[in-house]
C-alpha atoms as a PDB file:
ATOM      1  CA  MET A   1      -1.077  -3.729 -45.769  1.00  0.00           C
ATOM      2  CA  VAL A   2      -1.709  -4.242 -49.467  1.00  0.00           C
ATOM      3  CA  ASP A   3       0.769  -5.488 -52.053  1.00  0.00           C
ATOM      4  CA  THR A   4       0.955  -3.341 -55.203  1.00  0.00           C
ATOM      5  CA  LYS A   5       3.809  -5.285 -56.826  1.00  0.00           C
ATOM      6  CA  VAL A   6       3.310  -6.866 -60.257  1.00  0.00           C
ATOM      7  CA  VAL A   7       5.569  -8.863 -62.569  1.00  0.00           C
ATOM      8  CA  LEU A   8       6.096  -8.415 -66.307  1.00  0.00           C
ATOM      9  CA  SER A   9       8.018 -11.320 -67.824  1.00  0.00           C
ATOM     10  CA  GLY A  10      10.368 -11.550 -64.876  1.00  0.00           C
ATOM     11  CA  LEU A  11      10.593  -7.783 -64.350  1.00  0.00           C
ATOM     12  CA  THR A  12       9.131  -6.914 -60.932  1.00  0.00           C
ATOM     13  CA  LEU A  13       7.512  -3.494 -60.597  1.00  0.00           C
ATOM     14  CA  ASP A  14       6.701  -1.832 -57.261  1.00  0.00           C
ATOM     15  CA  ASN A  15       3.307  -0.965 -58.733  1.00  0.00           C
ATOM     16  CA  PRO A  16       1.613  -1.330 -62.141  1.00  0.00           C
ATOM     17  CA  VAL A  17       1.536   2.391 -63.054  1.00  0.00           C
ATOM     18  CA  ILE A  18       3.600   3.326 -66.096  1.00  0.00           C
ATOM     19  CA  PRO A  19       3.463   6.643 -67.985  1.00  0.00           C
ATOM     20  CA  ALA A  20       2.711   5.803 -71.618  1.00  0.00           C
ATOM     21  CA  SER A  21       5.141   6.452 -74.442  1.00  0.00           C
ATOM     22  CA  GLY A  22       4.782   9.862 -76.019  1.00  0.00           C
ATOM     23  CA  THR A  23       3.171  11.467 -72.969  1.00  0.00           C
ATOM     24  CA  PHE A  24       6.128  11.582 -70.572  1.00  0.00           C
ATOM     25  CA  GLY A  25       9.160  12.500 -72.688  1.00  0.00           C
ATOM     26  CA  PHE A  26      12.203  10.528 -71.622  1.00  0.00           C
ATOM     27  CA  GLY A  27      11.070  10.591 -68.012  1.00  0.00           C
ATOM     28  CA  TYR A  28      13.652  12.802 -66.358  1.00  0.00           C
ATOM     29  CA  GLU A  29      11.767  15.955 -67.406  1.00  0.00           C
ATOM     30  CA  PHE A  30       8.986  15.064 -64.956  1.00  0.00           C
ATOM     31  CA  ASN A  31      11.436  14.829 -62.073  1.00  0.00           C
ATOM     32  CA  GLU A  32      10.974  18.603 -61.784  1.00  0.00           C
ATOM     33  CA  PHE A  33       7.409  17.897 -60.623  1.00  0.00           C
ATOM     34  CA  TYR A  34       7.953  14.891 -58.344  1.00  0.00           C
ATOM     35  CA  ASP A  35      10.233  11.944 -57.592  1.00  0.00           C
ATOM     36  CA  ILE A  36       9.622   9.702 -60.605  1.00  0.00           C
ATOM     37  CA  ASN A  37      10.913   6.682 -58.680  1.00  0.00           C
ATOM     38  CA  VAL A  38       7.403   6.270 -57.239  1.00  0.00           C
ATOM     39  CA  LEU A  39       6.386   4.918 -60.667  1.00  0.00           C
ATOM     40  CA  GLY A  40       6.389   1.249 -61.586  1.00  0.00           C
ATOM     41  CA  SER A  41       8.344   2.022 -64.741  1.00  0.00           C
ATOM     42  CA  ILE A  42       8.378   4.573 -67.572  1.00  0.00           C
ATOM     43  CA  ALA A  43       7.618   3.916 -71.250  1.00  0.00           C
ATOM     44  CA  LEU A  44      10.032   6.231 -73.040  1.00  0.00           C
ATOM     45  CA  LYS A  45       9.257   8.427 -76.018  1.00  0.00           C
ATOM     46  CA  GLY A  46       8.956   6.428 -79.231  1.00  0.00           C
ATOM     47  CA  THR A  47      12.392   6.014 -80.788  1.00  0.00           C
ATOM     48  CA  THR A  48      13.324   5.414 -84.427  1.00  0.00           C
ATOM     49  CA  LYS A  49      16.616   4.714 -86.171  1.00  0.00           C
ATOM     50  CA  GLU A  50      17.029   8.279 -87.445  1.00  0.00           C
ATOM     51  CA  GLY A  51      15.900  11.499 -85.787  1.00  0.00           C
ATOM     52  CA  ARG A  52      12.472  12.790 -86.828  1.00  0.00           C
ATOM     53  CA  PHE A  53      10.919  16.253 -86.631  1.00  0.00           C
ATOM     54  CA  GLY A  54       7.497  14.651 -86.917  1.00  0.00           C
ATOM     55  CA  ASN A  55       4.433  15.854 -88.773  1.00  0.00           C
ATOM     56  CA  PRO A  56       3.686  19.496 -89.675  1.00  0.00           C
ATOM     57  CA  THR A  57       1.643  21.626 -87.291  1.00  0.00           C
ATOM     58  CA  PRO A  58      -1.060  21.957 -86.126  1.00  0.00           C
ATOM     59  CA  ARG A  59      -0.839  18.425 -84.780  1.00  0.00           C
ATOM     60  CA  ILE A  60      -2.958  18.550 -81.622  1.00  0.00           C
ATOM     61  CA  ALA A  61      -6.741  18.948 -81.481  1.00  0.00           C
ATOM     62  CA  GLU A  62      -8.910  18.896 -78.369  1.00  0.00           C
ATOM     63  CA  CYS A  63     -11.975  16.646 -78.189  1.00  0.00           C
ATOM     64  CA  THR A  64     -14.657  15.861 -75.630  1.00  0.00           C
ATOM     65  CA  GLU A  65     -12.957  13.773 -72.917  1.00  0.00           C
ATOM     66  CA  GLY A  66      -9.836  13.341 -75.043  1.00  0.00           C
ATOM     67  CA  LEU A  67      -7.550  14.719 -77.716  1.00  0.00           C
ATOM     68  CA  LEU A  68      -6.261  14.019 -81.200  1.00  0.00           C
ATOM     69  CA  ASN A  69      -2.551  13.991 -81.954  1.00  0.00           C
ATOM     70  CA  SER A  70      -0.554  13.593 -85.120  1.00  0.00           C
ATOM     71  CA  VAL A  71       2.891  14.263 -83.675  1.00  0.00           C
ATOM     72  CA  GLY A  72       4.427  11.624 -85.932  1.00  0.00           C
ATOM     73  CA  LEU A  73       7.097  10.012 -83.735  1.00  0.00           C
ATOM     74  CA  GLN A  74       9.188  13.143 -83.216  1.00  0.00           C
ATOM     75  CA  ASN A  75      12.430  12.006 -81.563  1.00  0.00           C
ATOM     76  CA  PRO A  76      16.197  12.578 -81.783  1.00  0.00           C
ATOM     77  CA  GLY A  77      17.019   9.101 -83.143  1.00  0.00           C
ATOM     78  CA  VAL A  78      18.291   6.033 -81.322  1.00  0.00           C
ATOM     79  CA  ARG A  79      21.960   7.083 -81.202  1.00  0.00           C
ATOM     80  CA  LYS A  80      21.166  10.313 -79.369  1.00  0.00           C
ATOM     81  CA  VAL A  81      18.709   8.500 -77.100  1.00  0.00           C
ATOM     82  CA  VAL A  82      21.451   6.072 -76.089  1.00  0.00           C
ATOM     83  CA  GLU A  83      24.191   8.705 -75.788  1.00  0.00           C
ATOM     84  CA  GLU A  84      22.237  11.618 -74.290  1.00  0.00           C
ATOM     85  CA  GLU A  85      18.737  10.796 -73.065  1.00  0.00           C
ATOM     86  CA  LEU A  86      19.318   7.524 -71.204  1.00  0.00           C
ATOM     87  CA  PRO A  87      22.275   8.898 -69.186  1.00  0.00           C
ATOM     88  CA  LYS A  88      20.046  11.812 -68.074  1.00  0.00           C
ATOM     89  CA  LEU A  89      17.317   9.364 -67.078  1.00  0.00           C
ATOM     90  CA  ARG A  90      19.685   7.167 -65.079  1.00  0.00           C
ATOM     91  CA  LYS A  91      20.686  10.178 -62.958  1.00  0.00           C
ATOM     92  CA  THR A  92      17.122  10.486 -61.676  1.00  0.00           C
ATOM     93  CA  PHE A  93      15.417   7.095 -62.182  1.00  0.00           C
ATOM     94  CA  ARG A  94      16.754   4.042 -60.346  1.00  0.00           C
ATOM     95  CA  LYS A  95      14.407   1.503 -61.956  1.00  0.00           C
ATOM     96  CA  LYS A  96      14.273  -0.149 -65.363  1.00  0.00           C
ATOM     97  CA  ALA A  97      12.526   1.783 -68.141  1.00  0.00           C
ATOM     98  CA  ILE A  98      10.599   0.526 -71.165  1.00  0.00           C
ATOM     99  CA  ALA A  99      12.019   1.409 -74.584  1.00  0.00           C
ATOM    100  CA  ASN A 100       9.363   2.128 -77.207  1.00  0.00           C
ATOM    101  CA  VAL A 101      10.656   1.276 -80.688  1.00  0.00           C
ATOM    102  CA  GLY A 102       9.213   2.563 -83.961  1.00  0.00           C
ATOM    103  CA  GLY A 103      10.287   1.992 -87.546  1.00  0.00           C
ATOM    104  CA  PHE A 104       9.519   2.137 -91.243  1.00  0.00           C
ATOM    105  CA  SER A 105      10.929  -1.250 -92.217  1.00  0.00           C
ATOM    106  CA  VAL A 106      11.720  -4.528 -90.498  1.00  0.00           C
ATOM    107  CA  GLU A 107      15.412  -3.664 -90.708  1.00  0.00           C
ATOM    108  CA  GLU A 108      14.884  -0.339 -88.918  1.00  0.00           C
ATOM    109  CA  TYR A 109      12.908  -1.970 -86.135  1.00  0.00           C
ATOM    110  CA  VAL A 110      15.654  -4.553 -85.647  1.00  0.00           C
ATOM    111  CA  TYR A 111      18.467  -1.979 -85.676  1.00  0.00           C
ATOM    112  CA  THR A 112      16.818   0.311 -83.124  1.00  0.00           C
ATOM    113  CA  ALA A 113      15.637  -2.458 -80.818  1.00  0.00           C
ATOM    114  CA  ALA A 114      19.051  -4.152 -80.816  1.00  0.00           C
ATOM    115  CA  LEU A 115      20.805  -0.953 -79.705  1.00  0.00           C
ATOM    116  CA  LEU A 116      18.331  -0.228 -76.919  1.00  0.00           C
ATOM    117  CA  ASP A 117      18.404  -3.851 -75.778  1.00  0.00           C
ATOM    118  CA  LYS A 118      22.048  -3.409 -74.766  1.00  0.00           C
ATOM    119  CA  GLU A 119      21.310  -0.538 -72.393  1.00  0.00           C
ATOM    120  CA  GLU A 120      21.373  -1.187 -68.650  1.00  0.00           C
ATOM    121  CA  ALA A 121      18.588   1.350 -68.089  1.00  0.00           C
ATOM    122  CA  ILE A 122      16.167  -0.645 -70.246  1.00  0.00           C
ATOM    123  CA  GLY A 123      14.231  -3.571 -68.794  1.00  0.00           C
ATOM    124  CA  LEU A 124      11.774  -4.268 -71.581  1.00  0.00           C
ATOM    125  CA  ILE A 125      11.256  -3.460 -75.277  1.00  0.00           C
ATOM    126  CA  GLU A 126       7.852  -2.203 -76.452  1.00  0.00           C
ATOM    127  CA  LEU A 127       7.550  -2.643 -80.211  1.00  0.00           C
ATOM    128  CA  ASN A 128       5.269   0.020 -81.666  1.00  0.00           C
ATOM    129  CA  VAL A 129       3.677  -1.452 -84.781  1.00  0.00           C
ATOM    130  CA  SER A 130       0.574   0.655 -84.285  1.00  0.00           C
ATOM    131  CA  CYS A 131       1.220   4.385 -84.622  1.00  0.00           C
ATOM    132  CA  PRO A 132      -1.522   5.948 -86.791  1.00  0.00           C
ATOM    133  CA  ASN A 133       0.423   9.136 -87.479  1.00  0.00           C
ATOM    134  CA  VAL A 134       3.236   8.026 -89.788  1.00  0.00           C
ATOM    135  CA  HIS A 135       3.250   6.817 -93.354  1.00  0.00           C
ATOM    136  CA  ASP A 136       4.913   3.648 -94.677  1.00  0.00           C
ATOM    137  CA  GLY A 137       5.426   2.203 -91.236  1.00  0.00           C
ATOM    138  CA  GLY A 138       3.776   2.104 -87.845  1.00  0.00           C
ATOM    139  CA  MET A 139       0.136   1.166 -88.316  1.00  0.00           C
ATOM    140  CA  SER A 140       0.719  -0.224 -91.817  1.00  0.00           C
ATOM    141  CA  PHE A 141       2.580  -3.033 -90.046  1.00  0.00           C
ATOM    142  CA  GLY A 142       0.072  -3.234 -87.212  1.00  0.00           C
ATOM    143  CA  VAL A 143      -3.065  -3.865 -89.275  1.00  0.00           C
ATOM    144  CA  ASP A 144      -1.593  -6.834 -91.161  1.00  0.00           C
ATOM    145  CA  PRO A 145      -1.171 -10.007 -89.055  1.00  0.00           C
ATOM    146  CA  LEU A 146       1.483 -11.365 -91.416  1.00  0.00           C
ATOM    147  CA  LYS A 147       3.570  -8.203 -91.059  1.00  0.00           C
ATOM    148  CA  VAL A 148       3.095  -8.186 -87.295  1.00  0.00           C
ATOM    149  CA  GLU A 149       4.372 -11.731 -87.105  1.00  0.00           C
ATOM    150  CA  GLU A 150       7.280 -10.956 -89.417  1.00  0.00           C
ATOM    151  CA  VAL A 151       8.552  -7.887 -87.582  1.00  0.00           C
ATOM    152  CA  THR A 152       8.020  -9.511 -84.169  1.00  0.00           C
ATOM    153  CA  ARG A 153      10.030 -12.582 -85.163  1.00  0.00           C
ATOM    154  CA  ALA A 154      12.864 -10.471 -86.596  1.00  0.00           C
ATOM    155  CA  VAL A 155      13.138  -8.225 -83.539  1.00  0.00           C
ATOM    156  CA  LYS A 156      12.792 -11.109 -81.097  1.00  0.00           C
ATOM    157  CA  ALA A 157      15.827 -12.751 -82.712  1.00  0.00           C
ATOM    158  CA  ALA A 158      17.845  -9.559 -82.162  1.00  0.00           C
ATOM    159  CA  VAL A 159      17.054  -8.839 -78.504  1.00  0.00           C
ATOM    160  CA  LYS A 160      17.501 -10.608 -75.182  1.00  0.00           C
ATOM    161  CA  LYS A 161      15.123  -8.569 -73.048  1.00  0.00           C
ATOM    162  CA  PRO A 162      11.362  -9.208 -72.962  1.00  0.00           C
ATOM    163  CA  LEU A 163       9.592  -8.019 -76.113  1.00  0.00           C
ATOM    164  CA  TYR A 164       6.056  -6.575 -75.887  1.00  0.00           C
ATOM    165  CA  VAL A 165       4.231  -5.717 -79.108  1.00  0.00           C
ATOM    166  CA  LYS A 166       2.009  -2.625 -79.024  1.00  0.00           C
ATOM    167  CA  LEU A 167      -1.201  -3.278 -80.943  1.00  0.00           C
ATOM    168  CA  THR A 168      -3.461  -0.919 -82.855  1.00  0.00           C
ATOM    169  CA  PRO A 169      -7.217  -0.892 -82.132  1.00  0.00           C
ATOM    170  CA  ASN A 170      -7.872   0.155 -85.738  1.00  0.00           C
ATOM    171  CA  VAL A 171      -8.608  -3.375 -86.926  1.00  0.00           C
ATOM    172  CA  THR A 172     -11.725  -5.529 -87.196  1.00  0.00           C
ATOM    173  CA  ASP A 173     -10.471  -8.141 -84.722  1.00  0.00           C
ATOM    174  CA  ILE A 174      -7.542  -7.262 -82.457  1.00  0.00           C
ATOM    175  CA  THR A 175      -7.124 -10.896 -81.413  1.00  0.00           C
ATOM    176  CA  GLU A 176      -5.829 -11.712 -84.909  1.00  0.00           C
ATOM    177  CA  THR A 177      -2.849  -9.357 -84.569  1.00  0.00           C
ATOM    178  CA  ALA A 178      -2.356 -10.438 -80.956  1.00  0.00           C
ATOM    179  CA  LEU A 179      -2.053 -14.067 -82.038  1.00  0.00           C
ATOM    180  CA  ALA A 180       0.265 -13.027 -84.884  1.00  0.00           C
ATOM    181  CA  ALA A 181       2.580 -11.329 -82.395  1.00  0.00           C
ATOM    182  CA  LYS A 182       2.483 -14.440 -80.229  1.00  0.00           C
ATOM    183  CA  ARG A 183       3.445 -16.617 -83.215  1.00  0.00           C
ATOM    184  CA  GLY A 184       6.320 -14.242 -83.856  1.00  0.00           C
ATOM    185  CA  GLY A 185       7.651 -14.869 -80.355  1.00  0.00           C
ATOM    186  CA  ALA A 186       6.346 -11.882 -78.393  1.00  0.00           C
ATOM    187  CA  ASP A 187       6.762 -12.176 -74.633  1.00  0.00           C
ATOM    188  CA  GLY A 188       3.793  -9.897 -74.062  1.00  0.00           C
ATOM    189  CA  LEU A 189       1.461  -7.335 -75.602  1.00  0.00           C
ATOM    190  CA  SER A 190       0.666  -3.647 -75.083  1.00  0.00           C
ATOM    191  CA  LEU A 191      -2.772  -2.325 -75.969  1.00  0.00           C
ATOM    192  CA  ILE A 192      -4.403  -0.220 -77.080  1.00  0.00           C
ATOM    193  CA  ASN A 193      -2.710   2.481 -79.095  1.00  0.00           C
ATOM    194  CA  THR A 194      -4.812   5.437 -80.241  1.00  0.00           C
ATOM    195  CA  LEU A 195      -8.002   5.216 -82.274  1.00  0.00           C
ATOM    196  CA  LEU A 196      -7.932   6.934 -85.647  1.00  0.00           C
ATOM    197  CA  GLY A 197      -9.961  10.158 -85.535  1.00  0.00           C
ATOM    198  CA  MET A 198     -10.503  13.557 -87.120  1.00  0.00           C
ATOM    199  CA  ARG A 199     -11.841  17.064 -86.358  1.00  0.00           C
ATOM    200  CA  ILE A 200     -13.136  19.706 -88.774  1.00  0.00           C
ATOM    201  CA  ASP A 201     -12.646  23.446 -88.246  1.00  0.00           C
ATOM    202  CA  LEU A 202     -16.081  24.992 -88.881  1.00  0.00           C
ATOM    203  CA  LYS A 203     -14.709  28.413 -89.792  1.00  0.00           C
ATOM    204  CA  LYS A 204     -12.067  27.127 -92.179  1.00  0.00           C
ATOM    205  CA  ARG A 205     -14.197  24.190 -93.329  1.00  0.00           C
ATOM    206  CA  ALA A 206     -11.059  22.080 -93.279  1.00  0.00           C
ATOM    207  CA  PRO A 207      -9.454  19.445 -91.041  1.00  0.00           C
ATOM    208  CA  VAL A 208      -7.991  20.877 -87.823  1.00  0.00           C
ATOM    209  CA  LEU A 209      -4.852  18.743 -88.074  1.00  0.00           C
ATOM    210  CA  ALA A 210      -2.319  19.369 -90.828  1.00  0.00           C
ATOM    211  CA  ASN A 211      -2.104  15.599 -91.203  1.00  0.00           C
ATOM    212  CA  LYS A 212      -5.950  15.547 -91.460  1.00  0.00           C
ATOM    213  CA  LYS A 213      -6.264  12.449 -89.273  1.00  0.00           C
ATOM    214  CA  GLY A 214      -4.709  11.634 -85.929  1.00  0.00           C
ATOM    215  CA  GLY A 215      -4.758   9.346 -82.945  1.00  0.00           C
ATOM    216  CA  PHE A 216      -7.647   9.794 -80.499  1.00  0.00           C
ATOM    217  CA  SER A 217      -6.805   9.189 -76.838  1.00  0.00           C
ATOM    218  CA  GLY A 218      -8.120  10.157 -73.426  1.00  0.00           C
ATOM    219  CA  ARG A 219     -10.859   9.068 -71.030  1.00  0.00           C
ATOM    220  CA  ALA A 220     -13.413   8.553 -73.815  1.00  0.00           C
ATOM    221  CA  VAL A 221     -11.543   5.504 -75.182  1.00  0.00           C
ATOM    222  CA  PHE A 222     -11.360   3.618 -71.855  1.00  0.00           C
ATOM    223  CA  PRO A 223     -14.334   1.249 -72.458  1.00  0.00           C
ATOM    224  CA  VAL A 224     -12.917   0.285 -75.853  1.00  0.00           C
ATOM    225  CA  ALA A 225      -9.532  -0.431 -74.314  1.00  0.00           C
ATOM    226  CA  VAL A 226     -11.004  -2.544 -71.515  1.00  0.00           C
ATOM    227  CA  ARG A 227     -12.969  -4.615 -74.037  1.00  0.00           C
ATOM    228  CA  MET A 228      -9.914  -5.231 -76.196  1.00  0.00           C
ATOM    229  CA  VAL A 229      -7.686  -6.140 -73.243  1.00  0.00           C
ATOM    230  CA  TYR A 230     -10.387  -8.577 -72.109  1.00  0.00           C
ATOM    231  CA  GLU A 231     -10.566 -10.211 -75.569  1.00  0.00           C
ATOM    232  CA  VAL A 232      -6.800 -10.448 -76.036  1.00  0.00           C
ATOM    233  CA  TYR A 233      -6.283 -11.902 -72.556  1.00  0.00           C
ATOM    234  CA  GLU A 234      -8.600 -14.773 -73.436  1.00  0.00           C
ATOM    235  CA  ALA A 235      -7.266 -15.273 -76.974  1.00  0.00           C
ATOM    236  CA  ALA A 236      -3.500 -14.965 -76.578  1.00  0.00           C
ATOM    237  CA  GLY A 237      -2.664 -15.914 -73.000  1.00  0.00           C
ATOM    238  CA  LEU A 238       0.275 -13.492 -72.884  1.00  0.00           C
ATOM    239  CA  PRO A 239       1.035 -10.822 -70.272  1.00  0.00           C
ATOM    240  CA  ILE A 240      -0.590  -7.523 -71.205  1.00  0.00           C
ATOM    241  CA  ILE A 241       0.243  -3.899 -70.507  1.00  0.00           C
ATOM    242  CA  GLY A 242      -3.181  -2.266 -70.731  1.00  0.00           C
ATOM    243  CA  MET A 243      -3.717   1.364 -71.712  1.00  0.00           C
ATOM    244  CA  GLY A 244      -6.255   3.721 -73.192  1.00  0.00           C
ATOM    245  CA  GLY A 245      -8.048   6.378 -71.144  1.00  0.00           C
ATOM    246  CA  VAL A 246      -6.711   5.334 -67.743  1.00  0.00           C
ATOM    247  CA  ALA A 247      -7.190   8.295 -65.397  1.00  0.00           C
ATOM    248  CA  CYS A 248      -7.539   7.014 -61.808  1.00  0.00           C
ATOM    249  CA  ALA A 249      -6.769   4.118 -59.467  1.00  0.00           C
ATOM    250  CA  GLU A 250     -10.188   2.564 -60.118  1.00  0.00           C
ATOM    251  CA  ASP A 251      -9.337   2.427 -63.832  1.00  0.00           C
ATOM    252  CA  VAL A 252      -6.139   0.540 -63.013  1.00  0.00           C
ATOM    253  CA  LEU A 253      -8.084  -2.132 -61.126  1.00  0.00           C
ATOM    254  CA  GLU A 254     -10.668  -2.426 -63.890  1.00  0.00           C
ATOM    255  CA  MET A 255      -7.976  -2.820 -66.542  1.00  0.00           C
ATOM    256  CA  MET A 256      -6.213  -5.475 -64.476  1.00  0.00           C
ATOM    257  CA  LEU A 257      -9.433  -7.406 -63.872  1.00  0.00           C
ATOM    258  CA  ALA A 258      -9.858  -7.415 -67.666  1.00  0.00           C
ATOM    259  CA  GLY A 259      -6.450  -9.064 -67.973  1.00  0.00           C
ATOM    260  CA  ALA A 260      -3.684  -6.461 -67.786  1.00  0.00           C
ATOM    261  CA  SER A 261      -0.595  -7.201 -65.698  1.00  0.00           C
ATOM    262  CA  ALA A 262       0.381  -3.511 -65.676  1.00  0.00           C
ATOM    263  CA  VAL A 263      -1.197  -0.296 -66.902  1.00  0.00           C
ATOM    264  CA  GLU A 264       0.075   2.691 -68.867  1.00  0.00           C
ATOM    265  CA  VAL A 265      -1.324   6.183 -68.331  1.00  0.00           C
ATOM    266  CA  GLY A 266      -1.199   8.399 -71.419  1.00  0.00           C
ATOM    267  CA  ALA A 267      -3.320  11.468 -72.203  1.00  0.00           C
ATOM    268  CA  GLU A 268      -4.027  12.111 -68.520  1.00  0.00           C
ATOM    269  CA  ASN A 269      -0.375  13.173 -68.084  1.00  0.00           C
ATOM    270  CA  LEU A 270      -0.967  15.989 -70.557  1.00  0.00           C
ATOM    271  CA  VAL A 271      -3.956  17.219 -68.542  1.00  0.00           C
ATOM    272  CA  ASN A 272      -2.327  16.750 -65.147  1.00  0.00           C
ATOM    273  CA  PRO A 273       1.448  16.223 -64.871  1.00  0.00           C
ATOM    274  CA  TYR A 274       0.924  14.695 -61.405  1.00  0.00           C
ATOM    275  CA  ALA A 275      -1.587  12.115 -62.659  1.00  0.00           C
ATOM    276  CA  CYS A 276       0.627   9.028 -62.349  1.00  0.00           C
ATOM    277  CA  ARG A 277       1.873   9.952 -58.889  1.00  0.00           C
ATOM    278  CA  GLU A 278      -1.683  10.571 -57.702  1.00  0.00           C
ATOM    279  CA  ILE A 279      -2.815   7.185 -59.045  1.00  0.00           C
ATOM    280  CA  VAL A 280       0.094   5.405 -57.328  1.00  0.00           C
ATOM    281  CA  GLU A 281      -0.688   7.147 -54.030  1.00  0.00           C
ATOM    282  CA  ASP A 282      -4.403   6.320 -54.252  1.00  0.00           C
ATOM    283  CA  LEU A 283      -4.003   2.650 -55.192  1.00  0.00           C
ATOM    284  CA  PRO A 284      -3.732   1.277 -51.614  1.00  0.00           C
ATOM    285  CA  ARG A 285      -6.922   3.091 -50.556  1.00  0.00           C
ATOM    286  CA  VAL A 286      -8.894   1.827 -53.548  1.00  0.00           C
ATOM    287  CA  MET A 287      -7.534  -1.701 -53.111  1.00  0.00           C
ATOM    288  CA  GLU A 288      -8.682  -1.735 -49.495  1.00  0.00           C
ATOM    289  CA  LYS A 289     -12.082  -0.361 -50.522  1.00  0.00           C
ATOM    290  CA  TYR A 290     -12.631  -3.363 -52.798  1.00  0.00           C
ATOM    291  CA  GLY A 291     -11.023  -5.936 -50.536  1.00  0.00           C
ATOM    292  CA  ILE A 292      -7.933  -6.473 -52.686  1.00  0.00           C
ATOM    293  CA  THR A 293      -4.752  -7.437 -50.845  1.00  0.00           C
ATOM    294  CA  SER A 294      -2.524  -8.191 -53.861  1.00  0.00           C
ATOM    295  CA  LEU A 295      -2.712  -6.716 -57.371  1.00  0.00           C
ATOM    296  CA  GLN A 296      -0.892  -9.686 -58.863  1.00  0.00           C
ATOM    297  CA  ASN A 297      -3.784 -11.899 -57.713  1.00  0.00           C
ATOM    298  CA  ILE A 298      -6.531  -9.966 -59.521  1.00  0.00           C
ATOM    299  CA  ILE A 299      -5.085 -10.112 -63.052  1.00  0.00           C
ATOM    300  CA  GLY A 300      -7.813 -11.491 -65.311  1.00  0.00           C
ATOM    301  CA  GLY A 301     -10.182 -11.735 -62.350  1.00  0.00           C
ATOM    302  CA  ALA A 302     -13.217 -10.654 -64.375  1.00  0.00           C
ATOM    303  CA  HIS A 303     -13.030 -13.774 -66.556  1.00  0.00           C
ATOM    304  CA  GLY A 304     -15.220 -16.692 -65.663  1.00  0.00           C
END
C-alpha cells in the first residue's frame, strides 16, 4: 500500500491533486462528471470584492500544447460566492476548499480575503497577485517585490487560515517575489501562474484576443514551472503548491521532487474534464513503479 496523503500548513489532503483556480468553476459543477471528493482539494474560481464580467471576447486562443486566456477574473463577487456558491459546494464536497482571492488594491484584497476566511468550507487562502489579464491589479502587484510584501502583510493580518501567495512567472527572478511574500508573512506559495503570451490572426493581421495579450498555460509550460518551483523551494523554504502544465501522475511526482507539497492541475481540465480524477486514480500505480511509498517523503527529493 502507498500513502498519497500530503500536508499543507496543517491541512491534511488525501492526495496532492487540486484543480487549479479558473479551470474548475466553483467545484460543484464537476460533480456531474464524477464524485469530486476523490480530489485532495479544489482551488475555487478567482474571487474579487465586486462582481466582474471580465474582458471582452474573444478571450481564448488555442496554441500548440496549450492555450491563451484573457478571461479577466470573471466572477460574481465575494458576497455572492459566500451566499450562493459555497453553500452549493458544501452540498457535494465534504473537504476543505482553497479560496482564490484577486483584487485591484490592497484594501480590496483584505476585504475579500477576510470574508472568505470566515467560511467553514474554506481551508486555505490563495492570494492571486499574478493574474496577467487585468489592469491596475493582479500582475502589477505580482511583479513588484515591495507590493507583494505589502499586500501579503496586510492580508495576513486580516485572516486566520493559512495564506499562500500565487506568484507570476513573468519576472526576471521569481525568488525575489517569493522572498517578498515570505517577509510579508506568507505561510506558503503557489506557482506558477500563466506566462504572458500572444497570437496573431493571419487573415485579420491582428491579435486573436480582444485584450491582445493573455496568459499562456498547458503542457508546454511544464518545464518552466518545474524549474521555478525548484528555485523557490531552495530560496524561500516555504510549502509550495506547484502548477503549470501538469497533465498526468508522473508530472505530479516530478513537481513534488522539485519541491511542491501539492499540485494544481489547470488547463488539462479544459481538455479533459476527468483529468484530475484520472491522475488521482493513477498515482498509486506510478508511485509503485518508482518505488515511492509515501508522497510526503519525496517533497524536494531532487535537491542535493
